[in-house]
Amino acid sequence: MYDIVIKDGFLIDGSGKPGQRGDIGILGDRIEEIGECPVNQGKKVIWARGKVVAPGFIDIHSHSDFTILAHPGAESKVYQGVTTELVGQCGISGAPMMGEFRARKKDGLSDLGISVNWSTLNEYLYRLEEVQPIVNVATLVGQGNLRGAVIGYINRRPLKDEIKQMKKLLLQSLEMGAFGLSTGLIYPPGVYSSTQELIELVKMVAQTEGIYATHIRNEGNELVESVKEAIYIAEQTGVSLQISHLKTWGRRNWKKLSSIFQIIDDSRKKGLNVHADRYPYTASSTDLDVLLPSWAWEGGKEEELRRLADPDSQKRMAEEILSQNPEADFWDKIMISTVKNNKNRLLEGKTLAEISIQRKCTPWEVLFQILKEEELKVSANFFFMSEENLSQILSKDYVLIGTDSAARSVSGILRKGKPHPRGFGTYPRILCRWTGSGKLFSPETAIYKMTGLPAKKIGLNGRGLIQKGYFADLVIFDPSTIKDQADFDNPFQYPTGIEYVIINGIEVISNGKLTGKRPGRVLRKRA
């Protein structure tokens, strides 16, 4: 007797092979049978005729490290079919939480009602287990955590003893179950790291067969050089490389994509294990102060705010920003998404160009004003990418699908501002707009990029495929109605067409509605 029988669905197993009609029998947390399962053998029967049954989607690039502690329901992810998230991206992870990194993070996490009572990765993972997340969670180690803990936010090379301390913290975290290392080389303190410093750390990741996921040093004017640096690190260490949210930022850089493809293709021909991830939108999203030159961040929050208030520093920052971004419509493409203070709530959804007209000053003066008023706690959406480039990137067989988003909800503490809609719509958007006859992907290819391929890349044993003995992480959707609903004006909208989501053999969405169950698990990499 099975706990659940899924009857007469179109099974796309996550391997890339053609789908076929069949049944699935689930016993406990595992897939017990694939093929034909009699109705009378199921304690519950889910009729799936006309529906696609796929492995649960694996978000290979998630930022839910802290939002899932604040709200473990993670509705924005599970409603779009995500059953597993890989957090710890872009150089920032839940742990280790030590030194100056801890001090800075505690300030930001208070907004989510989170008290930081952990230090090591083990302690962070136990904290995750205590809140009982709805989805499975795996993590990388953020290089920003390591540098911030040992050196702080100073722009200098580490001493030999400091390198040893960072390597010790990294090794401890890897032994505690981290799946690899991430860098965010446009953010402090990662931006201050040399290539050689990174190689020293990545060597340890390669030895444990983990992955190195990198938000490269520059995605615009120095894109080619930044991709080459990532490839060089992989060559020197033999690590499995994941280039985060591969993109060409700014019209003048769109033409560089063919060069990037050539570099990656050449590296793969040499035998390097190189992949990338991407979300299906042409706008990016991050902190607004990413527009500032890197010297403006040095020393941490207080020093950055001091520079923003200093006329000479303002003049220098404005000159550098304008020289790097001379386009007339530059400021029209930067939209405020989230602010901290209620007095600025009306700025959400407006561009810096629009706000500059309202305030009767230049857009760069508006930039400095908002950052000061919000004490840097302001994020924005940046509309600087090409639809044609997006299609070309997604079509590459080494590109996986990820949201690049934290989990959110339509209500409660995680409903704030006007965040990027990718947090609600990534996977349905791929399946609706990019998948099917005459479109970019076959259903089998699209689902492979969301399931089997990321599981293989990360090293998630027993997940990512519909296969006997594998964990029963499954999604059932209607290919005729699946569609993303979220947009930049109203991002807090769940998609349509996802009818069932099963995680570790437990229904978390049934007939399109949450069941209230939270059977997710904290996943640890084992050597």
Protein backbone atom coordinates (compact mmCIF):
# COMPACT_ATOMS: atom_id res chain seq x y z
CA MET A 1 0.00 0.00 0.00
CA TYR A 2 1.37 3.39 -1.05
CA ASP A 3 0.81 6.60 0.90
CA ILE A 4 0.16 8.46 -2.37
CA VAL A 5 -0.47 7.25 -5.89
CA ILE A 6 -0.10 9.82 -8.67
CA LYS A 7 -2.19 8.40 -11.48
CA ASP A 8 -1.89 8.80 -15.25
CA GLY A 9 0.40 11.84 -15.34
CA PHE A 10 2.86 12.83 -18.05
CA LEU A 11 6.14 12.09 -16.27
CA ILE A 12 9.12 14.28 -17.15
CA ASP A 13 11.81 12.73 -14.98
CA GLY A 14 14.40 15.53 -14.88
CA SER A 15 17.05 13.71 -16.90
CA GLY A 16 16.28 15.42 -20.21
CA LYS A 17 14.84 12.22 -21.69
CA PRO A 18 11.43 12.31 -23.41
CA GLY A 19 8.49 12.25 -21.04
CA GLN A 20 6.00 9.40 -20.89
CA ARG A 21 2.64 8.65 -19.31
CA GLY A 22 2.66 6.68 -16.09
CA ASP A 23 1.95 6.44 -12.39
CA ILE A 24 4.08 7.08 -9.32
CA GLY A 25 3.76 5.31 -6.00
CA ILE A 26 5.08 7.15 -2.93
CA LEU A 27 5.83 5.37 0.35
CA GLY A 28 7.07 7.48 3.23
CA ASP A 29 9.48 10.08 1.88
CA ARG A 30 10.54 8.09 -1.19
CA ILE A 31 9.41 7.17 -4.68
CA GLU A 32 8.61 3.47 -4.38
CA GLU A 33 7.24 2.70 -7.85
CA ILE A 34 7.14 4.21 -11.35
CA GLY A 35 4.99 2.71 -14.06
CA GLU A 36 1.59 1.32 -13.18
CA CYS A 37 0.15 1.65 -9.69
CA PRO A 38 -3.40 0.35 -9.06
CA VAL A 39 -5.78 2.91 -7.60
CA ASN A 40 -6.70 0.58 -4.74
CA GLN A 41 -3.05 0.52 -3.66
CA GLY A 42 -3.00 4.20 -2.70
CA LYS A 43 -4.16 5.65 0.62
CA LYS A 44 -4.56 8.82 -1.45
CA VAL A 45 -4.85 9.06 -5.23
CA ILE A 46 -3.94 12.19 -7.20
CA TRP A 47 -5.36 12.07 -10.70
CA ALA A 48 -2.87 13.75 -13.03
CA ARG A 49 -4.27 13.12 -16.52
CA GLY A 50 -3.38 16.06 -18.76
CA LYS A 51 -0.87 17.29 -16.18
CA VAL A 52 2.93 17.21 -16.10
CA VAL A 53 4.59 15.48 -13.16
CA ALA A 54 8.17 16.66 -12.63
CA PRO A 55 10.82 16.58 -9.91
CA GLY A 56 10.56 19.53 -7.54
CA PHE A 57 12.44 22.55 -8.84
CA ILE A 58 15.86 23.18 -7.30
CA ASP A 59 16.61 26.88 -6.90
CA ILE A 60 20.35 26.83 -7.44
CA HIS A 61 20.66 30.55 -6.66
CA SER A 62 18.57 31.58 -3.66
CA HIS A 63 18.94 34.35 -1.09
CA SER A 64 16.53 32.94 1.52
CA ASP A 65 19.26 32.52 4.17
CA PHE A 66 17.50 34.83 6.62
CA THR A 67 13.97 35.32 5.27
CA ILE A 68 13.28 31.63 5.78
CA LEU A 69 14.22 32.04 9.46
CA ALA A 70 11.79 34.92 9.73
CA HIS A 71 9.03 33.11 7.83
CA PRO A 72 9.70 29.41 7.15
CA GLY A 73 6.56 29.10 4.97
CA ALA A 74 8.51 30.49 1.97
CA GLU A 75 5.30 30.79 -0.06
CA SER A 76 6.77 32.66 -3.01
CA LYS A 77 9.07 29.73 -3.67
CA VAL A 78 6.82 26.77 -3.01
CA TYR A 79 3.93 28.25 -5.02
CA GLN A 80 6.19 28.23 -8.07
CA GLY A 81 7.25 24.63 -7.53
CA VAL A 82 10.53 25.03 -5.66
CA THR A 83 11.24 22.16 -3.27
CA THR A 84 14.96 22.81 -2.57
CA GLU A 85 16.95 26.03 -2.24
CA LEU A 86 20.71 26.54 -2.35
CA VAL A 87 21.41 29.62 -0.23
CA GLY A 88 24.68 31.30 0.74
CA GLN A 89 25.08 33.09 -2.59
CA CYS A 90 27.03 36.16 -3.76
CA GLY A 91 29.49 36.01 -0.89
CA ILE A 92 26.93 36.17 1.94
CA SER A 93 25.70 33.17 3.93
CA GLY A 94 23.96 32.47 7.21
CA ALA A 95 27.25 31.44 8.79
CA PRO A 96 29.91 31.65 10.00
CA MET A 97 28.62 34.68 11.88
CA MET A 98 31.64 36.22 13.57
CA GLY A 99 33.65 39.39 14.02
CA GLU A 100 32.76 42.56 12.16
CA PHE A 101 30.57 40.59 9.75
CA ARG A 102 28.39 39.54 12.68
CA ALA A 103 28.15 43.11 14.00
CA ARG A 104 27.03 44.46 10.62
CA LYS A 105 24.57 41.64 9.98
CA LYS A 106 22.90 41.92 13.39
CA ASP A 107 21.85 45.46 12.54
CA GLY A 108 20.17 44.44 9.31
CA LEU A 109 18.51 41.28 10.64
CA SER A 110 16.70 43.13 13.40
CA ASP A 111 14.32 44.40 10.70
CA LEU A 112 13.23 40.78 10.16
CA GLY A 113 12.81 40.15 13.87
CA ILE A 114 15.80 37.80 13.89
CA SER A 115 18.15 37.70 16.87
CA VAL A 116 21.57 36.38 15.94
CA ASN A 117 22.31 33.65 18.48
CA TRP A 118 24.58 31.46 16.36
CA SER A 119 28.20 31.62 15.21
CA THR A 120 29.14 28.45 13.36
CA LEU A 121 27.53 26.85 10.33
CA ASN A 122 26.33 23.93 12.47
CA GLU A 123 24.56 26.34 14.80
CA TYR A 124 22.93 28.13 11.86
CA LEU A 125 21.73 24.84 10.35
CA TYR A 126 20.29 23.77 13.70
CA ARG A 127 18.47 27.10 13.87
CA LEU A 128 17.02 26.38 10.42
CA GLU A 129 15.87 22.95 11.58
CA GLU A 130 14.18 24.49 14.61
CA VAL A 131 11.94 26.71 12.46
CA GLN A 132 10.92 23.73 10.29
CA PRO A 133 11.17 25.20 6.78
CA ILE A 134 8.65 24.15 4.16
CA VAL A 135 11.40 23.53 1.56
CA ASN A 136 14.71 21.69 1.70
CA VAL A 137 17.65 24.04 2.31
CA ALA A 138 21.32 23.58 1.41
CA THR A 139 23.97 26.26 1.78
CA LEU A 140 27.28 27.54 0.50
CA VAL A 141 29.75 29.51 2.62
CA GLY A 142 30.00 33.20 1.80
CA GLN A 143 33.54 34.45 1.29
CA GLY A 144 32.28 37.79 2.60
CA ASN A 145 31.52 36.08 5.91
CA LEU A 146 35.09 34.81 6.11
CA ARG A 147 36.81 38.07 5.18
CA GLY A 148 34.40 40.16 7.23
CA ALA A 149 35.00 37.98 10.28
CA VAL A 150 38.80 37.97 10.04
CA ILE A 151 39.76 41.28 8.38
CA GLY A 152 36.61 43.38 8.46
CA TYR A 153 35.73 45.82 5.69
CA ILE A 154 39.17 47.27 5.06
CA ASN A 155 40.67 47.43 1.57
CA ARG A 156 43.95 45.60 2.06
CA ARG A 157 45.53 42.24 1.42
CA PRO A 158 45.31 39.69 4.21
CA LEU A 159 48.32 38.73 6.28
CA LYS A 160 49.49 35.11 6.20
CA ASP A 161 47.91 34.46 9.58
CA GLU A 162 44.62 35.97 8.38
CA ILE A 163 44.60 33.68 5.35
CA LYS A 164 45.07 30.76 7.74
CA GLN A 165 42.16 31.95 9.87
CA MET A 166 39.87 32.26 6.84
CA LYS A 167 40.87 28.81 5.60
CA LYS A 168 40.22 27.36 9.05
CA LEU A 169 36.71 28.87 9.14
CA LEU A 170 36.04 27.61 5.62
CA LEU A 171 37.25 24.09 6.39
CA GLN A 172 35.11 23.95 9.52
CA SER A 173 32.05 25.03 7.52
CA LEU A 174 32.71 22.52 4.75
CA GLU A 175 33.08 19.75 7.32
CA MET A 176 29.76 20.85 8.84
CA GLY A 177 27.96 20.29 5.56
CA ALA A 178 28.37 23.32 3.30
CA PHE A 179 28.22 22.54 -0.41
CA GLY A 180 30.95 24.98 -1.41
CA LEU A 181 31.98 28.64 -1.42
CA SER A 182 30.46 31.75 -2.97
CA THR A 183 31.89 35.17 -3.70
CA GLY A 184 30.28 38.54 -4.31
CA LEU A 185 33.10 40.45 -5.92
CA ILE A 186 31.18 43.70 -6.40
CA TYR A 187 30.21 43.92 -2.72
CA PRO A 188 32.28 44.70 0.34
CA PRO A 189 34.30 43.02 1.68
CA GLY A 190 34.66 40.60 -1.27
CA VAL A 191 35.45 43.45 -3.65
CA TYR A 192 38.76 43.95 -1.84
CA SER A 193 39.95 40.36 -2.42
CA SER A 194 42.74 39.54 -4.86
CA THR A 195 42.59 36.63 -7.29
CA GLN A 196 45.33 34.83 -5.38
CA GLU A 197 43.47 35.21 -2.10
CA LEU A 198 40.43 33.58 -3.71
CA ILE A 199 42.52 30.75 -5.15
CA GLU A 200 43.82 29.91 -1.67
CA LEU A 201 40.26 29.41 -0.45
CA VAL A 202 38.86 27.74 -3.56
CA LYS A 203 41.58 25.07 -3.45
CA MET A 204 40.00 23.79 -0.25
CA VAL A 205 36.55 23.69 -1.89
CA ALA A 206 37.91 21.66 -4.80
CA GLN A 207 39.43 19.15 -2.38
CA THR A 208 35.98 18.50 -0.89
CA GLU A 209 34.33 18.33 -4.34
CA GLY A 210 32.23 21.40 -3.54
CA ILE A 211 31.27 24.13 -5.98
CA TYR A 212 32.55 27.68 -6.34
CA ALA A 213 29.69 30.06 -7.17
CA THR A 214 30.77 33.58 -8.05
CA HIS A 215 29.09 36.89 -8.57
CA ILE A 216 31.95 38.00 -10.78
CA ARG A 217 33.89 41.21 -10.29
CA ASN A 218 32.12 43.17 -13.02
CA GLU A 219 29.12 42.38 -15.24
CA GLY A 220 29.43 45.47 -17.42
CA ASN A 221 32.45 47.32 -18.79
CA GLU A 222 34.93 44.73 -17.45
CA LEU A 223 32.73 41.69 -18.08
CA VAL A 224 35.20 39.79 -20.25
CA GLU A 225 38.07 40.23 -17.80
CA SER A 226 35.84 39.18 -14.90
CA VAL A 227 34.72 35.97 -16.58
CA LYS A 228 38.34 35.21 -17.42
CA GLU A 229 39.25 35.64 -13.75
CA ALA A 230 36.56 33.13 -12.71
CA ILE A 231 37.78 30.64 -15.32
CA TYR A 232 41.40 31.16 -14.23
CA ILE A 233 40.47 30.34 -10.63
CA ALA A 234 38.80 27.14 -11.86
CA GLU A 235 41.89 26.26 -13.93
CA GLN A 236 44.21 26.79 -10.98
CA THR A 237 42.12 24.80 -8.53
CA GLY A 238 40.11 22.28 -10.55
CA VAL A 239 36.94 23.42 -8.79
CA SER A 240 33.42 23.00 -10.17
CA LEU A 241 32.56 26.58 -11.18
CA GLN A 242 29.12 28.22 -11.21
CA ILE A 243 28.98 31.75 -12.66
CA SER A 244 26.11 33.49 -10.90
CA HIS A 245 23.30 35.17 -12.88
CA LEU A 246 25.28 35.43 -16.13
CA LYS A 247 24.44 38.74 -17.77
CA THR A 248 25.63 41.65 -19.91
CA TRP A 249 24.89 44.87 -18.00
CA GLY A 250 24.46 48.00 -20.14
CA ARG A 251 23.75 48.40 -23.85
CA ARG A 252 27.40 49.05 -24.71
CA ASN A 253 28.24 45.60 -23.28
CA TRP A 254 25.53 43.53 -24.97
CA LYS A 255 27.83 42.77 -27.90
CA LYS A 256 30.32 41.10 -25.55
CA LEU A 257 28.14 38.04 -25.09
CA SER A 258 29.66 36.08 -27.97
CA SER A 259 33.11 36.56 -26.43
CA ILE A 260 31.82 35.31 -23.08
CA PHE A 261 30.33 32.23 -24.70
CA GLN A 262 33.63 31.53 -26.45
CA ILE A 263 35.57 31.76 -23.19
CA ILE A 264 33.17 29.42 -21.41
CA ASP A 265 32.96 26.98 -24.32
CA ASP A 266 36.76 26.82 -24.57
CA SER A 267 37.08 26.13 -20.85
CA ARG A 268 34.55 23.31 -21.03
CA LYS A 269 36.36 21.77 -24.00
CA LYS A 270 39.48 21.71 -21.82
CA GLY A 271 37.56 19.62 -19.29
CA LEU A 272 36.70 22.31 -16.74
CA ASN A 273 33.36 21.87 -14.98
CA VAL A 274 31.85 25.28 -15.74
CA HIS A 275 28.19 26.25 -15.54
CA ALA A 276 26.16 29.41 -14.99
CA ASP A 277 22.71 30.30 -13.70
CA ARG A 278 20.17 32.87 -14.82
CA TYR A 279 16.65 34.15 -14.11
CA PRO A 280 14.27 34.91 -17.04
CA TYR A 281 14.07 38.71 -16.72
CA THR A 282 16.04 41.62 -18.19
CA ALA A 283 16.19 43.61 -14.94
CA SER A 284 18.55 42.87 -12.07
CA SER A 285 18.04 43.80 -8.42
CA THR A 286 20.36 44.59 -5.55
CA ASP A 287 21.27 47.30 -3.03
CA LEU A 288 21.13 50.84 -4.43
CA ASP A 289 24.61 51.71 -3.18
CA VAL A 290 26.08 49.25 -5.69
CA LEU A 291 26.17 52.32 -7.95
CA LEU A 292 28.86 53.90 -5.80
CA PRO A 293 32.56 53.35 -6.53
CA SER A 294 34.10 50.67 -4.31
CA TRP A 295 36.26 53.13 -2.36
CA ALA A 296 33.05 54.68 -0.99
CA TRP A 297 32.22 51.46 0.92
CA GLU A 298 35.56 51.04 2.60
CA GLY A 299 35.43 50.91 6.40
CA GLY A 300 31.76 49.95 6.70
CA LYS A 301 28.42 51.69 7.06
CA GLU A 302 29.46 54.70 9.12
CA GLU A 303 32.35 55.57 6.82
CA GLU A 304 30.14 55.20 3.76
CA LEU A 305 27.51 57.52 5.26
CA ARG A 306 30.21 60.02 6.17
CA ARG A 307 31.40 60.11 2.56
CA LEU A 308 27.82 60.52 1.31
CA ALA A 309 27.53 63.63 3.47
CA ASP A 310 30.87 65.10 2.38
CA PRO A 311 30.64 67.52 -0.61
CA ASP A 312 34.10 66.64 -1.93
CA SER A 313 33.39 62.91 -1.78
CA GLN A 314 30.00 63.48 -3.41
CA LYS A 315 31.64 65.34 -6.28
CA ARG A 316 34.20 62.58 -6.79
CA MET A 317 31.53 59.85 -6.64
CA ALA A 318 29.29 61.66 -9.12
CA GLU A 319 32.16 62.14 -11.57
CA GLU A 320 33.06 58.44 -11.44
CA ILE A 321 29.45 57.26 -11.80
CA LEU A 322 28.81 59.56 -14.77
CA SER A 323 32.06 58.65 -16.50
CA GLN A 324 31.18 54.95 -16.26
CA ASN A 325 27.55 55.51 -17.26
CA PRO A 326 27.28 58.39 -19.77
CA GLU A 327 23.97 57.28 -21.35
CA ALA A 328 21.23 59.93 -21.29
CA ASP A 329 18.61 57.45 -20.06
CA PHE A 330 20.80 55.86 -17.37
CA TRP A 331 18.80 57.22 -14.44
CA ASP A 332 15.48 56.26 -16.06
CA LYS A 333 16.45 52.59 -15.69
CA ILE A 334 16.98 52.53 -11.94
CA MET A 335 13.78 51.92 -9.97
CA ILE A 336 13.58 52.03 -6.19
CA SER A 337 12.12 48.75 -4.97
CA THR A 338 12.33 48.76 -1.18
CA VAL A 339 13.02 51.40 1.47
CA LYS A 340 13.15 51.15 5.24
CA ASN A 341 11.38 54.34 6.35
CA ASN A 342 7.68 55.02 5.88
CA LYS A 343 8.33 58.63 4.89
CA ASN A 344 9.94 57.40 1.67
CA ARG A 345 7.43 54.63 0.90
CA LEU A 346 6.04 56.58 -2.07
CA LEU A 347 9.46 56.34 -3.73
CA GLU A 348 8.99 52.59 -4.23
CA GLY A 349 8.29 51.90 -7.89
CA LYS A 350 9.71 55.23 -9.06
CA THR A 351 12.93 55.77 -11.00
CA LEU A 352 15.75 58.03 -9.89
CA ALA A 353 14.97 60.23 -12.91
CA GLU A 354 11.36 60.64 -11.79
CA ILE A 355 12.35 61.38 -8.21
CA SER A 356 14.90 63.95 -9.38
CA ILE A 357 12.12 65.86 -11.17
CA GLN A 358 9.97 65.76 -8.03
CA ARG A 359 12.82 66.97 -5.82
CA LYS A 360 14.14 69.45 -8.40
CA CYS A 361 17.74 68.26 -8.29
CA THR A 362 20.05 66.00 -10.29
CA PRO A 363 19.58 62.21 -10.25
CA TRP A 364 22.96 61.65 -8.60
CA GLU A 365 22.02 64.08 -5.85
CA VAL A 366 18.82 62.05 -5.38
CA LEU A 367 20.96 58.91 -5.17
CA PHE A 368 23.04 60.38 -2.36
CA GLN A 369 19.96 61.78 -0.58
CA ILE A 370 18.05 58.51 -0.54
CA LEU A 371 21.05 56.50 0.63
CA LYS A 372 21.56 58.94 3.51
CA GLU A 373 17.87 59.12 4.42
CA GLU A 374 17.56 55.32 4.44
CA GLU A 375 20.95 54.73 6.07
CA LEU A 376 21.85 52.55 3.05
CA LYS A 377 18.87 50.20 3.56
CA VAL A 378 17.38 50.67 0.13
CA SER A 379 17.26 48.31 -2.85
CA ALA A 380 16.51 48.89 -6.52
CA ASN A 381 15.69 47.18 -9.80
CA PHE A 382 18.08 47.93 -12.67
CA PHE A 383 16.76 47.68 -16.25
CA PHE A 384 20.01 47.33 -18.21
CA MET A 385 19.80 44.00 -20.01
CA SER A 386 18.82 42.75 -23.46
CA GLU A 387 15.94 40.38 -24.24
CA GLU A 388 17.93 38.88 -27.13
CA ASN A 389 20.92 38.25 -24.88
CA LEU A 390 18.63 36.70 -22.29
CA SER A 391 17.35 34.16 -24.82
CA GLN A 392 20.88 33.34 -25.92
CA ILE A 393 22.04 32.84 -22.32
CA LEU A 394 19.09 30.66 -21.32
CA SER A 395 19.53 28.48 -24.40
CA LYS A 396 23.05 27.38 -23.44
CA ASP A 397 23.10 23.80 -22.18
CA TYR A 398 25.35 24.77 -19.26
CA VAL A 399 22.97 27.45 -17.95
CA LEU A 400 20.69 26.47 -15.06
CA ILE A 401 17.60 28.30 -13.83
CA GLY A 402 17.67 30.16 -10.49
CA THR A 403 15.58 32.92 -8.95
CA ASP A 404 18.38 35.05 -7.42
CA SER A 405 15.75 35.92 -4.84
CA ALA A 406 14.89 35.48 -1.20
CA ALA A 407 11.61 33.81 -0.28
CA ARG A 408 8.73 36.24 0.23
CA SER A 409 5.01 36.18 0.96
CA VAL A 410 1.92 38.17 -0.02
CA SER A 411 1.37 39.06 3.65
CA GLY A 412 3.27 39.49 6.88
CA ILE A 413 6.86 40.46 7.52
CA LEU A 414 8.06 39.37 4.05
CA ARG A 415 5.70 41.69 2.17
CA LYS A 416 7.76 44.83 1.75
CA GLY A 417 8.23 47.31 -1.06
CA LYS A 418 8.12 46.35 -4.72
CA PRO A 419 10.74 43.62 -5.03
CA HIS A 420 11.80 41.95 -8.25
CA PRO A 421 9.04 39.60 -9.52
CA ARG A 422 11.55 36.79 -10.05
CA GLY A 423 10.90 35.77 -6.44
CA PHE A 424 7.34 34.80 -7.39
CA GLY A 425 7.50 33.94 -11.07
CA THR A 426 10.80 32.49 -12.29
CA TYR A 427 9.87 28.85 -12.90
CA PRO A 428 6.31 29.35 -14.21
CA ARG A 429 7.68 32.09 -16.47
CA ILE A 430 10.16 29.65 -17.99
CA LEU A 431 7.46 27.01 -18.45
CA CYS A 432 4.93 29.45 -19.92
CA ARG A 433 6.94 31.90 -22.02
CA TRP A 434 10.01 29.91 -22.99
CA THR A 435 8.83 26.29 -23.19
CA GLY A 436 6.85 24.38 -25.79
CA SER A 437 6.46 23.98 -29.53
CA GLY A 438 8.28 26.72 -31.44
CA LYS A 439 9.78 28.17 -28.25
CA LEU A 440 13.26 28.09 -26.74
CA PHE A 441 12.95 24.81 -24.83
CA SER A 442 11.22 21.49 -24.99
CA PRO A 443 9.49 20.72 -21.67
CA GLU A 444 12.10 18.04 -21.01
CA THR A 445 15.00 20.46 -21.49
CA ALA A 446 13.42 23.19 -19.37
CA ILE A 447 12.75 20.81 -16.49
CA TYR A 448 16.25 19.31 -16.75
CA LYS A 449 17.69 22.80 -16.22
CA MET A 450 15.54 23.16 -13.08
CA THR A 451 15.99 19.70 -11.56
CA GLY A 452 18.41 17.03 -12.74
CA LEU A 453 21.19 19.40 -13.80
CA PRO A 454 21.30 21.51 -10.61
CA ALA A 455 21.11 18.36 -8.45
CA LYS A 456 24.10 16.95 -10.32
CA LYS A 457 26.00 20.25 -10.13
CA ILE A 458 25.52 20.66 -6.40
CA GLY A 459 25.87 16.98 -5.53
CA LEU A 460 22.38 16.47 -4.10
CA ASN A 461 22.12 12.72 -3.73
CA GLY A 462 18.66 11.24 -4.22
CA ARG A 463 17.00 14.41 -5.51
CA GLY A 464 16.36 16.07 -8.85
CA LEU A 465 14.99 13.03 -10.69
CA ILE A 466 11.85 10.92 -10.75
CA GLN A 467 13.55 7.64 -9.98
CA LYS A 468 12.86 4.70 -7.70
CA GLY A 469 14.41 5.19 -4.30
CA TYR A 470 14.74 8.97 -4.74
CA PHE A 471 13.11 11.40 -2.33
CA ALA A 472 9.55 12.23 -3.30
CA ASP A 473 10.05 15.92 -4.16
CA LEU A 474 7.52 16.43 -6.96
CA VAL A 475 5.56 19.11 -8.79
CA ILE A 476 2.33 18.56 -10.72
CA PHE A 477 1.31 21.39 -13.04
CA ASP A 478 -1.10 22.06 -15.86
CA PRO A 479 0.95 23.02 -18.94
CA SER A 480 -2.04 24.86 -20.39
CA THR A 481 -2.55 27.20 -17.42
CA ILE A 482 0.88 27.59 -15.83
CA LYS A 483 1.82 31.26 -15.91
CA ASP A 484 3.68 33.84 -13.87
CA GLN A 485 1.48 36.69 -12.61
CA ALA A 486 4.00 38.85 -10.77
CA ASP A 487 5.33 42.01 -12.41
CA PHE A 488 7.31 45.07 -11.34
CA ASP A 489 4.18 47.08 -10.51
CA ASN A 490 2.61 44.27 -8.48
CA PRO A 491 5.20 41.63 -7.64
CA PHE A 492 3.21 40.01 -4.81
CA GLN A 493 1.22 37.64 -7.00
CA TYR A 494 1.48 33.86 -7.00
CA PRO A 495 1.53 32.05 -10.35
CA THR A 496 -1.23 29.88 -11.77
CA GLY A 497 -1.08 26.26 -12.88
CA ILE A 498 0.92 24.67 -10.03
CA GLU A 499 -1.61 22.21 -8.61
CA TYR A 500 0.43 19.96 -6.31
CA VAL A 501 3.83 20.26 -4.64
CA ILE A 502 5.13 17.29 -2.66
CA ILE A 503 8.25 17.55 -0.49
CA ASN A 504 9.76 14.47 1.14
CA GLY A 505 6.52 12.59 0.42
CA ILE A 506 4.25 15.21 2.05
CA GLU A 507 1.82 17.43 0.14
CA VAL A 508 2.56 21.10 0.82
CA ILE A 509 0.29 22.30 -1.98
CA SER A 510 -2.84 20.32 -2.78
CA ASN A 511 -5.35 21.43 -5.42
CA GLY A 512 -3.45 24.70 -5.67
CA LYS A 513 -3.63 25.57 -1.95
CA LEU A 514 -1.20 25.32 0.94
CA THR A 515 -1.79 22.40 3.29
CA GLY A 516 0.02 23.93 6.27
CA LYS A 517 2.62 21.15 6.35
CA ARG A 518 6.33 22.05 6.52
CA PRO A 519 8.34 18.89 5.78
CA GLY A 520 11.48 20.52 4.39
CA ARG A 521 14.88 19.35 5.56
CA VAL A 522 18.26 20.95 6.09
CA LEU A 523 20.63 19.24 3.68
CA ARG A 524 24.29 18.72 4.51
CA LYS A 525 26.97 17.72 2.05
CA ARG A 526 28.73 14.55 3.05
CA ALA A 527 32.25 13.68 1.91
